[in-house]
Amino acid sequence: MLKKTITFSMIVLMSFLSFSCKDDVIPKPSSYLRLDYPEAKYVNFENDCPFAFEINSDAVIKGEKNCGFTILYPKMKATIYLTYKPVNNDIDKLLRDAQKLTYEHVIKADDILEQPYLNPSKKVYGMFYQVDGNAATNSQFYATDSAKHFVTGSVYFYTKPNFDSIMPAASYIKNDMQRLMETLTWK
């Protein structure tokens, strides 16, 4: 009799447990890891090249030939490429080349926002481009004094372009690029 009571009790308990849990299974939407970065601290960068600028102290800068630089962000797997060219009565060609480089990304870009930059006191004039969408680069700029100096910069991530997943890093580096452009001075 005791055996029948225990068996009956187990069946009732199992039935109760199986029918009491009626939570519907709802699939979770895809999400991305939340990335927070430290507040940027900037330091002045100067060498033998005919220009100087401020750089994020967390970035690693490497000199290339002809006053070009790579600014590495190892934690974000990104690099800003800076190129310097002297102006030799070819400012129109340099401007066309810089604009062409940006608009080659129009195939993958959702939008390209242009932000002119003018600083007559430092003789720095240029354009900052924010490229939205799954393009290879999310930010680019050029800066010039229109007479002697021309600098271009663009950021590239070492990952397949997926704007939603790299947006926090892209925004962080975009701010660094704008700071670089705004602090650019000619020697």
N, C-alpha and C. Protein backbone atom coordinates (compact mmCIF):
# COMPACT_ATOMS: atom_id res chain seq x y z
N MET A 1 0.81 -1.18 0.00
CA MET A 1 0.00 0.00 0.00
C MET A 1 0.86 1.25 0.00
N LEU A 2 1.91 1.20 0.77
CA LEU A 2 2.82 2.35 0.84
C LEU A 2 3.46 2.60 -0.50
N LYS A 3 3.76 1.53 -1.20
CA LYS A 3 4.38 1.64 -2.51
C LYS A 3 3.44 2.31 -3.50
N LYS A 4 2.15 1.98 -3.46
CA LYS A 4 1.16 2.59 -4.34
C LYS A 4 0.97 4.06 -4.01
N THR A 5 1.01 4.40 -2.74
CA THR A 5 0.85 5.80 -2.31
C THR A 5 2.02 6.64 -2.78
N ILE A 6 3.21 6.13 -2.68
CA ILE A 6 4.41 6.86 -3.11
C ILE A 6 4.38 7.03 -4.63
N THR A 7 4.01 5.98 -5.35
CA THR A 7 3.93 6.06 -6.81
C THR A 7 2.88 7.08 -7.23
N PHE A 8 1.71 7.00 -6.58
CA PHE A 8 0.65 7.96 -6.89
C PHE A 8 1.10 9.38 -6.57
N SER A 9 1.77 9.58 -5.45
CA SER A 9 2.26 10.91 -5.05
C SER A 9 3.28 11.43 -6.06
N MET A 10 4.13 10.55 -6.55
CA MET A 10 5.13 10.97 -7.55
C MET A 10 4.46 11.38 -8.85
N ILE A 11 3.45 10.65 -9.27
CA ILE A 11 2.74 10.99 -10.51
C ILE A 11 2.04 12.33 -10.37
N VAL A 12 1.40 12.56 -9.23
CA VAL A 12 0.73 13.84 -8.99
C VAL A 12 1.74 14.97 -8.95
N LEU A 13 2.85 14.75 -8.29
CA LEU A 13 3.89 15.79 -8.21
C LEU A 13 4.46 16.09 -9.59
N MET A 14 4.74 15.07 -10.37
CA MET A 14 5.28 15.29 -11.73
C MET A 14 4.26 16.00 -12.61
N SER A 15 3.02 15.63 -12.50
CA SER A 15 1.97 16.29 -13.28
C SER A 15 1.86 17.75 -12.89
N PHE A 16 1.89 18.00 -11.61
CA PHE A 16 1.80 19.36 -11.13
C PHE A 16 2.96 20.21 -11.65
N LEU A 17 4.17 19.67 -11.58
CA LEU A 17 5.35 20.41 -12.04
C LEU A 17 5.31 20.64 -13.55
N SER A 18 4.87 19.66 -14.30
CA SER A 18 4.89 19.83 -15.76
C SER A 18 3.79 20.78 -16.23
N PHE A 19 2.67 20.84 -15.56
CA PHE A 19 1.59 21.72 -15.99
C PHE A 19 1.67 23.11 -15.37
N SER A 20 2.41 23.23 -14.29
CA SER A 20 2.49 24.54 -13.63
C SER A 20 3.45 25.49 -14.32
N CYS A 21 4.37 25.00 -15.08
CA CYS A 21 5.36 25.83 -15.77
C CYS A 21 4.90 26.04 -17.21
N LYS A 22 4.16 27.07 -17.43
CA LYS A 22 3.63 27.32 -18.78
C LYS A 22 4.25 28.58 -19.39
N ASP A 23 5.48 28.87 -19.07
CA ASP A 23 6.14 30.01 -19.70
C ASP A 23 6.39 29.71 -21.16
N ASP A 24 5.93 30.60 -22.00
CA ASP A 24 6.19 30.43 -23.42
C ASP A 24 7.65 30.76 -23.69
N VAL A 25 8.24 30.00 -24.55
CA VAL A 25 9.62 30.24 -24.94
C VAL A 25 9.63 31.35 -25.98
N ILE A 26 10.30 32.43 -25.66
CA ILE A 26 10.39 33.58 -26.56
C ILE A 26 11.85 33.76 -26.95
N PRO A 27 12.13 33.72 -28.23
CA PRO A 27 13.54 33.90 -28.64
C PRO A 27 14.01 35.32 -28.34
N LYS A 28 15.23 35.43 -27.90
CA LYS A 28 15.83 36.74 -27.60
C LYS A 28 16.35 37.37 -28.88
N PRO A 29 16.20 38.68 -29.02
CA PRO A 29 16.74 39.34 -30.22
C PRO A 29 18.27 39.35 -30.19
N SER A 30 18.87 39.43 -31.35
CA SER A 30 20.33 39.52 -31.43
C SER A 30 20.78 40.80 -30.75
N SER A 31 21.89 40.75 -30.10
CA SER A 31 22.41 41.95 -29.45
C SER A 31 23.92 41.96 -29.57
N TYR A 32 24.49 43.09 -29.23
CA TYR A 32 25.93 43.26 -29.29
C TYR A 32 26.45 43.63 -27.91
N LEU A 33 27.67 43.30 -27.67
CA LEU A 33 28.32 43.62 -26.42
C LEU A 33 28.39 45.13 -26.24
N ARG A 34 28.04 45.60 -25.05
CA ARG A 34 28.13 47.03 -24.78
C ARG A 34 29.59 47.37 -24.49
N LEU A 35 30.09 48.35 -25.22
CA LEU A 35 31.48 48.73 -25.08
C LEU A 35 31.57 50.16 -24.56
N ASP A 36 32.21 50.32 -23.44
CA ASP A 36 32.46 51.64 -22.88
C ASP A 36 33.96 51.88 -22.89
N TYR A 37 34.35 53.07 -23.31
CA TYR A 37 35.77 53.40 -23.41
C TYR A 37 36.10 54.50 -22.43
N PRO A 38 37.35 54.55 -21.98
CA PRO A 38 37.73 55.59 -21.03
C PRO A 38 37.68 56.97 -21.68
N GLU A 39 37.52 57.96 -20.84
CA GLU A 39 37.53 59.34 -21.35
C GLU A 39 38.89 59.62 -21.98
N ALA A 40 38.85 60.21 -23.16
CA ALA A 40 40.10 60.46 -23.90
C ALA A 40 40.90 61.58 -23.24
N LYS A 41 42.20 61.33 -23.18
CA LYS A 41 43.15 62.35 -22.71
C LYS A 41 44.09 62.60 -23.87
N TYR A 42 44.28 63.86 -24.21
CA TYR A 42 45.05 64.20 -25.40
C TYR A 42 46.40 64.80 -25.04
N VAL A 43 47.38 64.45 -25.86
CA VAL A 43 48.73 64.98 -25.71
C VAL A 43 49.17 65.55 -27.05
N ASN A 44 50.04 66.52 -27.00
CA ASN A 44 50.54 67.15 -28.23
C ASN A 44 51.57 66.22 -28.88
N PHE A 45 51.43 66.05 -30.20
CA PHE A 45 52.39 65.26 -30.95
C PHE A 45 53.11 66.17 -31.92
N GLU A 46 54.43 66.15 -31.83
CA GLU A 46 55.24 67.00 -32.70
C GLU A 46 56.53 66.26 -33.03
N ASN A 47 56.96 66.38 -34.27
CA ASN A 47 58.24 65.81 -34.69
C ASN A 47 58.82 66.71 -35.79
N ASP A 48 59.61 66.17 -36.70
CA ASP A 48 60.26 66.98 -37.73
C ASP A 48 59.35 67.34 -38.90
N CYS A 49 58.16 66.81 -38.93
CA CYS A 49 57.22 67.10 -40.03
C CYS A 49 56.70 68.53 -39.92
N PRO A 50 56.17 69.07 -41.01
CA PRO A 50 55.74 70.48 -41.01
C PRO A 50 54.37 70.73 -40.38
N PHE A 51 53.94 69.84 -39.51
CA PHE A 51 52.67 70.03 -38.81
C PHE A 51 52.72 69.33 -37.46
N ALA A 52 51.82 69.72 -36.58
CA ALA A 52 51.69 69.12 -35.25
C ALA A 52 50.20 69.00 -34.94
N PHE A 53 49.86 68.13 -33.99
CA PHE A 53 48.47 67.93 -33.63
C PHE A 53 48.40 67.24 -32.28
N GLU A 54 47.18 67.14 -31.72
CA GLU A 54 46.96 66.42 -30.48
C GLU A 54 46.45 65.03 -30.80
N ILE A 55 46.89 64.07 -29.97
CA ILE A 55 46.53 62.67 -30.17
C ILE A 55 46.07 62.08 -28.83
N ASN A 56 45.19 61.11 -28.90
CA ASN A 56 44.73 60.40 -27.72
C ASN A 56 45.92 59.67 -27.09
N SER A 57 46.09 59.83 -25.79
CA SER A 57 47.24 59.21 -25.12
C SER A 57 47.17 57.69 -25.12
N ASP A 58 46.00 57.09 -25.36
CA ASP A 58 45.88 55.63 -25.43
C ASP A 58 46.26 55.07 -26.80
N ALA A 59 46.37 55.93 -27.79
CA ALA A 59 46.70 55.49 -29.14
C ALA A 59 48.21 55.34 -29.29
N VAL A 60 48.61 54.50 -30.23
CA VAL A 60 50.03 54.28 -30.52
C VAL A 60 50.29 54.84 -31.91
N ILE A 61 51.24 55.77 -32.01
CA ILE A 61 51.52 56.39 -33.31
C ILE A 61 52.84 55.85 -33.86
N LYS A 62 52.81 55.54 -35.14
CA LYS A 62 54.01 55.05 -35.83
C LYS A 62 54.24 55.92 -37.05
N GLY A 63 55.47 56.39 -37.18
CA GLY A 63 55.83 57.20 -38.33
C GLY A 63 56.06 56.37 -39.57
N GLU A 64 55.65 56.90 -40.66
CA GLU A 64 55.88 56.26 -41.96
C GLU A 64 56.75 57.22 -42.77
N LYS A 65 56.97 56.89 -44.02
CA LYS A 65 57.79 57.78 -44.84
C LYS A 65 56.98 59.00 -45.26
N ASN A 66 57.68 60.07 -45.58
CA ASN A 66 57.09 61.33 -46.08
C ASN A 66 56.05 61.93 -45.15
N CYS A 67 56.29 61.85 -43.85
CA CYS A 67 55.42 62.44 -42.83
C CYS A 67 54.01 61.85 -42.83
N GLY A 68 53.89 60.61 -43.21
CA GLY A 68 52.63 59.89 -43.04
C GLY A 68 52.70 59.13 -41.73
N PHE A 69 51.55 58.87 -41.13
CA PHE A 69 51.52 58.20 -39.84
C PHE A 69 50.40 57.17 -39.80
N THR A 70 50.59 56.15 -38.98
CA THR A 70 49.51 55.26 -38.61
C THR A 70 49.30 55.43 -37.11
N ILE A 71 48.06 55.66 -36.75
CA ILE A 71 47.69 55.82 -35.35
C ILE A 71 46.87 54.59 -34.98
N LEU A 72 47.43 53.74 -34.15
CA LEU A 72 46.83 52.44 -33.83
C LEU A 72 46.00 52.50 -32.56
N TYR A 73 44.87 51.82 -32.61
CA TYR A 73 44.00 51.61 -31.46
C TYR A 73 43.89 50.10 -31.27
N PRO A 74 44.85 49.47 -30.60
CA PRO A 74 44.88 48.01 -30.51
C PRO A 74 43.64 47.41 -29.85
N LYS A 75 43.10 48.05 -28.82
CA LYS A 75 41.93 47.50 -28.13
C LYS A 75 40.69 47.52 -29.01
N MET A 76 40.65 48.41 -29.97
CA MET A 76 39.49 48.54 -30.85
C MET A 76 39.73 47.93 -32.22
N LYS A 77 40.94 47.44 -32.43
CA LYS A 77 41.33 46.87 -33.73
C LYS A 77 41.06 47.85 -34.86
N ALA A 78 41.58 49.06 -34.68
CA ALA A 78 41.37 50.12 -35.66
C ALA A 78 42.67 50.91 -35.85
N THR A 79 42.76 51.55 -37.01
CA THR A 79 43.92 52.38 -37.34
C THR A 79 43.46 53.61 -38.09
N ILE A 80 44.03 54.76 -37.71
CA ILE A 80 43.86 55.98 -38.48
C ILE A 80 45.10 56.13 -39.34
N TYR A 81 44.89 56.31 -40.63
CA TYR A 81 46.01 56.53 -41.56
C TYR A 81 46.06 58.01 -41.91
N LEU A 82 47.19 58.64 -41.60
CA LEU A 82 47.41 60.05 -41.95
C LEU A 82 48.41 60.11 -43.09
N THR A 83 48.10 60.94 -44.06
CA THR A 83 48.98 61.13 -45.20
C THR A 83 49.25 62.62 -45.35
N TYR A 84 50.50 62.97 -45.57
CA TYR A 84 50.88 64.37 -45.80
C TYR A 84 51.40 64.50 -47.23
N LYS A 85 50.96 65.58 -47.88
CA LYS A 85 51.48 65.90 -49.21
C LYS A 85 51.73 67.40 -49.27
N PRO A 86 52.88 67.80 -49.77
CA PRO A 86 53.10 69.23 -49.98
C PRO A 86 52.27 69.71 -51.17
N VAL A 87 51.79 70.93 -51.07
CA VAL A 87 51.02 71.51 -52.18
C VAL A 87 52.00 72.16 -53.14
N ASN A 88 51.99 71.71 -54.38
CA ASN A 88 52.87 72.25 -55.42
C ASN A 88 52.02 72.74 -56.58
N ASN A 89 51.25 73.79 -56.34
CA ASN A 89 50.33 74.32 -57.35
C ASN A 89 49.35 73.26 -57.85
N ASP A 90 49.04 72.27 -57.00
CA ASP A 90 48.12 71.21 -57.40
C ASP A 90 47.01 71.00 -56.36
N ILE A 91 46.59 72.06 -55.70
CA ILE A 91 45.58 71.96 -54.66
C ILE A 91 44.27 71.39 -55.20
N ASP A 92 43.90 71.75 -56.43
CA ASP A 92 42.66 71.23 -57.01
C ASP A 92 42.73 69.71 -57.15
N LYS A 93 43.86 69.18 -57.60
CA LYS A 93 44.02 67.72 -57.75
C LYS A 93 43.97 67.04 -56.38
N LEU A 94 44.64 67.62 -55.38
CA LEU A 94 44.64 67.03 -54.05
C LEU A 94 43.23 67.00 -53.46
N LEU A 95 42.48 68.07 -53.66
CA LEU A 95 41.10 68.12 -53.17
C LEU A 95 40.22 67.09 -53.88
N ARG A 96 40.36 66.99 -55.20
CA ARG A 96 39.58 66.00 -55.96
C ARG A 96 39.89 64.58 -55.49
N ASP A 97 41.18 64.28 -55.30
CA ASP A 97 41.58 62.95 -54.85
C ASP A 97 41.01 62.62 -53.47
N ALA A 98 41.04 63.58 -52.56
CA ALA A 98 40.50 63.36 -51.20
C ALA A 98 38.99 63.13 -51.25
N GLN A 99 38.29 63.91 -52.06
CA GLN A 99 36.84 63.75 -52.17
C GLN A 99 36.49 62.45 -52.88
N LYS A 100 37.26 62.08 -53.88
CA LYS A 100 37.03 60.83 -54.62
C LYS A 100 37.18 59.64 -53.69
N LEU A 101 38.20 59.67 -52.84
CA LEU A 101 38.42 58.58 -51.89
C LEU A 101 37.20 58.40 -50.98
N THR A 102 36.63 59.49 -50.52
CA THR A 102 35.45 59.41 -49.66
C THR A 102 34.26 58.86 -50.41
N TYR A 103 33.99 59.37 -51.58
CA TYR A 103 32.78 59.00 -52.30
C TYR A 103 32.87 57.65 -53.00
N GLU A 104 34.04 57.00 -52.95
CA GLU A 104 34.12 55.61 -53.42
C GLU A 104 33.35 54.68 -52.48
N HIS A 105 33.08 55.14 -51.26
CA HIS A 105 32.36 54.33 -50.27
C HIS A 105 30.84 54.49 -50.38
N VAL A 106 30.37 55.28 -51.34
CA VAL A 106 28.95 55.54 -51.47
C VAL A 106 28.16 54.28 -51.79
N ILE A 107 28.78 53.27 -52.36
CA ILE A 107 28.10 52.01 -52.69
C ILE A 107 27.60 51.32 -51.43
N LYS A 108 28.42 51.27 -50.39
CA LYS A 108 28.05 50.60 -49.14
C LYS A 108 27.49 51.55 -48.09
N ALA A 109 27.68 52.85 -48.28
CA ALA A 109 27.27 53.82 -47.26
C ALA A 109 25.77 54.09 -47.32
N ASP A 110 25.19 54.29 -46.14
CA ASP A 110 23.79 54.73 -46.07
C ASP A 110 23.71 56.24 -46.24
N ASP A 111 24.73 56.93 -45.77
CA ASP A 111 24.74 58.40 -45.83
C ASP A 111 26.18 58.88 -45.63
N ILE A 112 26.52 60.00 -46.25
CA ILE A 112 27.81 60.63 -46.03
C ILE A 112 27.55 62.06 -45.61
N LEU A 113 27.92 62.38 -44.38
CA LEU A 113 27.72 63.73 -43.84
C LEU A 113 29.01 64.52 -43.98
N GLU A 114 28.92 65.70 -44.56
CA GLU A 114 30.08 66.58 -44.72
C GLU A 114 30.02 67.68 -43.68
N GLN A 115 31.13 67.90 -43.00
CA GLN A 115 31.23 68.96 -42.01
C GLN A 115 32.43 69.83 -42.35
N PRO A 116 32.21 71.01 -42.95
CA PRO A 116 33.35 71.88 -43.27
C PRO A 116 34.05 72.35 -42.00
N TYR A 117 35.36 72.54 -42.10
CA TYR A 117 36.14 73.06 -40.98
C TYR A 117 36.95 74.26 -41.46
N LEU A 118 36.79 75.36 -40.76
CA LEU A 118 37.52 76.60 -41.09
C LEU A 118 38.12 77.17 -39.82
N ASN A 119 39.44 77.38 -39.84
CA ASN A 119 40.11 78.04 -38.73
C ASN A 119 41.12 79.03 -39.32
N PRO A 120 40.64 80.23 -39.69
CA PRO A 120 41.51 81.22 -40.34
C PRO A 120 42.71 81.64 -39.48
N SER A 121 42.57 81.65 -38.15
CA SER A 121 43.69 82.08 -37.31
C SER A 121 44.88 81.10 -37.41
N LYS A 122 44.61 79.81 -37.60
CA LYS A 122 45.68 78.82 -37.77
C LYS A 122 45.91 78.47 -39.23
N LYS A 123 45.11 79.04 -40.12
CA LYS A 123 45.18 78.76 -41.56
C LYS A 123 44.97 77.26 -41.84
N VAL A 124 43.95 76.71 -41.20
CA VAL A 124 43.58 75.31 -41.42
C VAL A 124 42.15 75.29 -41.96
N TYR A 125 42.00 74.70 -43.13
CA TYR A 125 40.71 74.60 -43.79
C TYR A 125 40.53 73.17 -44.24
N GLY A 126 39.34 72.65 -44.13
CA GLY A 126 39.16 71.27 -44.55
C GLY A 126 37.73 70.81 -44.49
N MET A 127 37.59 69.49 -44.58
CA MET A 127 36.28 68.85 -44.56
C MET A 127 36.40 67.55 -43.78
N PHE A 128 35.41 67.33 -42.92
CA PHE A 128 35.33 66.08 -42.16
C PHE A 128 34.13 65.30 -42.70
N TYR A 129 34.33 64.03 -43.01
CA TYR A 129 33.27 63.18 -43.55
C TYR A 129 32.93 62.09 -42.55
N GLN A 130 31.64 61.96 -42.25
CA GLN A 130 31.16 60.84 -41.46
C GLN A 130 30.38 59.94 -42.39
N VAL A 131 30.84 58.70 -42.53
CA VAL A 131 30.24 57.74 -43.45
C VAL A 131 29.41 56.76 -42.63
N ASP A 132 28.09 56.81 -42.79
CA ASP A 132 27.20 55.91 -42.06
C ASP A 132 26.90 54.69 -42.92
N GLY A 133 26.83 53.55 -42.27
CA GLY A 133 26.53 52.31 -42.98
C GLY A 133 27.70 51.36 -42.91
N ASN A 134 27.65 50.31 -43.69
CA ASN A 134 28.65 49.25 -43.65
C ASN A 134 29.80 49.49 -44.62
N ALA A 135 30.29 50.70 -44.65
CA ALA A 135 31.42 51.05 -45.51
C ALA A 135 32.73 50.65 -44.82
N ALA A 136 33.80 50.58 -45.60
CA ALA A 136 35.10 50.18 -45.06
C ALA A 136 35.65 51.21 -44.06
N THR A 137 35.35 52.47 -44.27
CA THR A 137 35.78 53.52 -43.36
C THR A 137 34.57 54.31 -42.89
N ASN A 138 34.58 54.72 -41.62
CA ASN A 138 33.46 55.46 -41.07
C ASN A 138 33.73 56.95 -40.95
N SER A 139 34.98 57.34 -40.97
CA SER A 139 35.34 58.75 -40.85
C SER A 139 36.56 59.05 -41.69
N GLN A 140 36.54 60.20 -42.34
CA GLN A 140 37.68 60.68 -43.13
C GLN A 140 37.72 62.19 -43.03
N PHE A 141 38.89 62.75 -43.29
CA PHE A 141 39.00 64.20 -43.35
C PHE A 141 40.17 64.59 -44.24
N TYR A 142 40.15 65.85 -44.64
CA TYR A 142 41.33 66.47 -45.22
C TYR A 142 41.45 67.85 -44.63
N ALA A 143 42.68 68.33 -44.53
CA ALA A 143 42.95 69.67 -44.02
C ALA A 143 44.11 70.25 -44.80
N THR A 144 44.05 71.56 -45.04
CA THR A 144 45.07 72.22 -45.83
C THR A 144 45.18 73.68 -45.43
N ASP A 145 46.29 74.30 -45.80
CA ASP A 145 46.41 75.75 -45.69
C ASP A 145 46.24 76.39 -47.07
N SER A 146 45.99 75.57 -48.07
CA SER A 146 45.76 75.96 -49.47
C SER A 146 47.00 76.43 -50.19
N ALA A 147 48.14 76.51 -49.52
CA ALA A 147 49.35 77.02 -50.16
C ALA A 147 50.52 76.04 -50.11
N LYS A 148 50.74 75.41 -48.93
CA LYS A 148 51.92 74.55 -48.77
C LYS A 148 51.62 73.13 -48.29
N HIS A 149 50.58 72.96 -47.50
CA HIS A 149 50.38 71.70 -46.78
C HIS A 149 49.01 71.08 -47.07
N PHE A 150 48.98 69.74 -47.11
CA PHE A 150 47.74 69.00 -47.31
C PHE A 150 47.83 67.69 -46.53
N VAL A 151 46.89 67.45 -45.61
CA VAL A 151 46.86 66.25 -44.78
C VAL A 151 45.51 65.56 -44.96
N THR A 152 45.54 64.24 -45.13
CA THR A 152 44.30 63.46 -45.16
C THR A 152 44.36 62.42 -44.06
N GLY A 153 43.19 62.03 -43.58
CA GLY A 153 43.10 61.00 -42.55
C GLY A 153 41.87 60.15 -42.76
N SER A 154 42.00 58.86 -42.50
CA SER A 154 40.86 57.95 -42.57
C SER A 154 41.06 56.82 -41.57
N VAL A 155 39.96 56.31 -41.06
CA VAL A 155 40.01 55.23 -40.08
C VAL A 155 39.50 53.94 -40.72
N TYR A 156 40.18 52.84 -40.38
CA TYR A 156 39.78 51.52 -40.84
C TYR A 156 39.80 50.56 -39.66
N PHE A 157 38.79 49.70 -39.61
CA PHE A 157 38.70 48.66 -38.59
C PHE A 157 39.11 47.33 -39.20
N TYR A 158 39.75 46.49 -38.39
CA TYR A 158 40.19 45.18 -38.86
C TYR A 158 39.11 44.14 -38.59
N THR A 159 37.95 44.38 -39.17
CA THR A 159 36.83 43.48 -39.04
C THR A 159 35.89 43.72 -40.21
N LYS A 160 35.02 42.78 -40.46
CA LYS A 160 34.02 42.95 -41.52
C LYS A 160 33.15 44.16 -41.15
N PRO A 161 32.91 45.07 -42.10
CA PRO A 161 32.11 46.25 -41.77
C PRO A 161 30.69 45.88 -41.35
N ASN A 162 30.37 46.16 -40.12
CA ASN A 162 29.02 46.02 -39.59
C ASN A 162 28.82 47.21 -38.66
N PHE A 163 28.21 48.25 -39.19
CA PHE A 163 28.16 49.53 -38.49
C PHE A 163 27.55 49.42 -37.11
N ASP A 164 26.53 48.58 -36.94
CA ASP A 164 25.89 48.46 -35.62
C ASP A 164 26.86 47.94 -34.57
N SER A 165 27.70 46.99 -34.93
CA SER A 165 28.59 46.39 -33.94
C SER A 165 29.81 47.26 -33.63
N ILE A 166 30.29 48.04 -34.59
CA ILE A 166 31.47 48.86 -34.32
C ILE A 166 31.13 50.31 -34.00
N MET A 167 29.84 50.63 -33.93
CA MET A 167 29.43 52.02 -33.72
C MET A 167 30.07 52.67 -32.48
N PRO A 168 30.13 52.01 -31.31
CA PRO A 168 30.77 52.67 -30.17
C PRO A 168 32.23 53.02 -30.43
N ALA A 169 32.98 52.09 -31.01
CA ALA A 169 34.39 52.35 -31.31
C ALA A 169 34.52 53.40 -32.40
N ALA A 170 33.67 53.33 -33.43
CA ALA A 170 33.71 54.30 -34.52
C ALA A 170 33.43 55.70 -34.00
N SER A 171 32.49 55.83 -33.10
CA SER A 171 32.17 57.14 -32.52
C SER A 171 33.33 57.68 -31.69
N TYR A 172 33.95 56.81 -30.91
CA TYR A 172 35.09 57.20 -30.08
C TYR A 172 36.24 57.71 -30.95
N ILE A 173 36.56 56.96 -32.00
CA ILE A 173 37.68 57.34 -32.87
C ILE A 173 37.32 58.56 -33.72
N LYS A 174 36.05 58.69 -34.10
CA LYS A 174 35.61 59.88 -34.84
C LYS A 174 35.90 61.13 -34.02
N ASN A 175 35.62 61.09 -32.73
CA ASN A 175 35.92 62.23 -31.86
C ASN A 175 37.41 62.52 -31.81
N ASP A 176 38.24 61.46 -31.79
CA ASP A 176 39.69 61.66 -31.81
C ASP A 176 40.15 62.28 -33.13
N MET A 177 39.55 61.85 -34.24
CA MET A 177 39.92 62.41 -35.54
C MET A 177 39.52 63.88 -35.63
N GLN A 178 38.35 64.21 -35.11
CA GLN A 178 37.94 65.62 -35.11
C GLN A 178 38.88 66.45 -34.25
N ARG A 179 39.28 65.91 -33.12
CA ARG A 179 40.22 66.62 -32.25
C ARG A 179 41.55 66.82 -32.97
N LEU A 180 42.03 65.79 -33.65
CA LEU A 180 43.27 65.89 -34.41
C LEU A 180 43.17 67.01 -35.44
N MET A 181 42.07 67.03 -36.18
CA MET A 181 41.88 68.03 -37.22
C MET A 181 41.79 69.45 -36.62
N GLU A 182 41.08 69.57 -35.52
CA GLU A 182 40.88 70.89 -34.89
C GLU A 182 42.12 71.41 -34.21
N THR A 183 43.07 70.54 -33.86
CA THR A 183 44.31 70.98 -33.19
C THR A 183 45.50 71.03 -34.15
N LEU A 184 45.25 70.74 -35.42
CA LEU A 184 46.31 70.73 -36.42
C LEU A 184 46.90 72.13 -36.58
N THR A 185 48.22 72.21 -36.51
CA THR A 185 48.92 73.49 -36.73
C THR A 185 50.06 73.26 -37.71
N TRP A 186 50.34 74.26 -38.50
CA TRP A 186 51.43 74.19 -39.48
C TRP A 186 52.66 74.83 -38.88
N LYS A 187 53.82 74.33 -39.26
CA LYS A 187 55.09 74.91 -38.79
C LYS A 187 55.67 75.80 -39.85
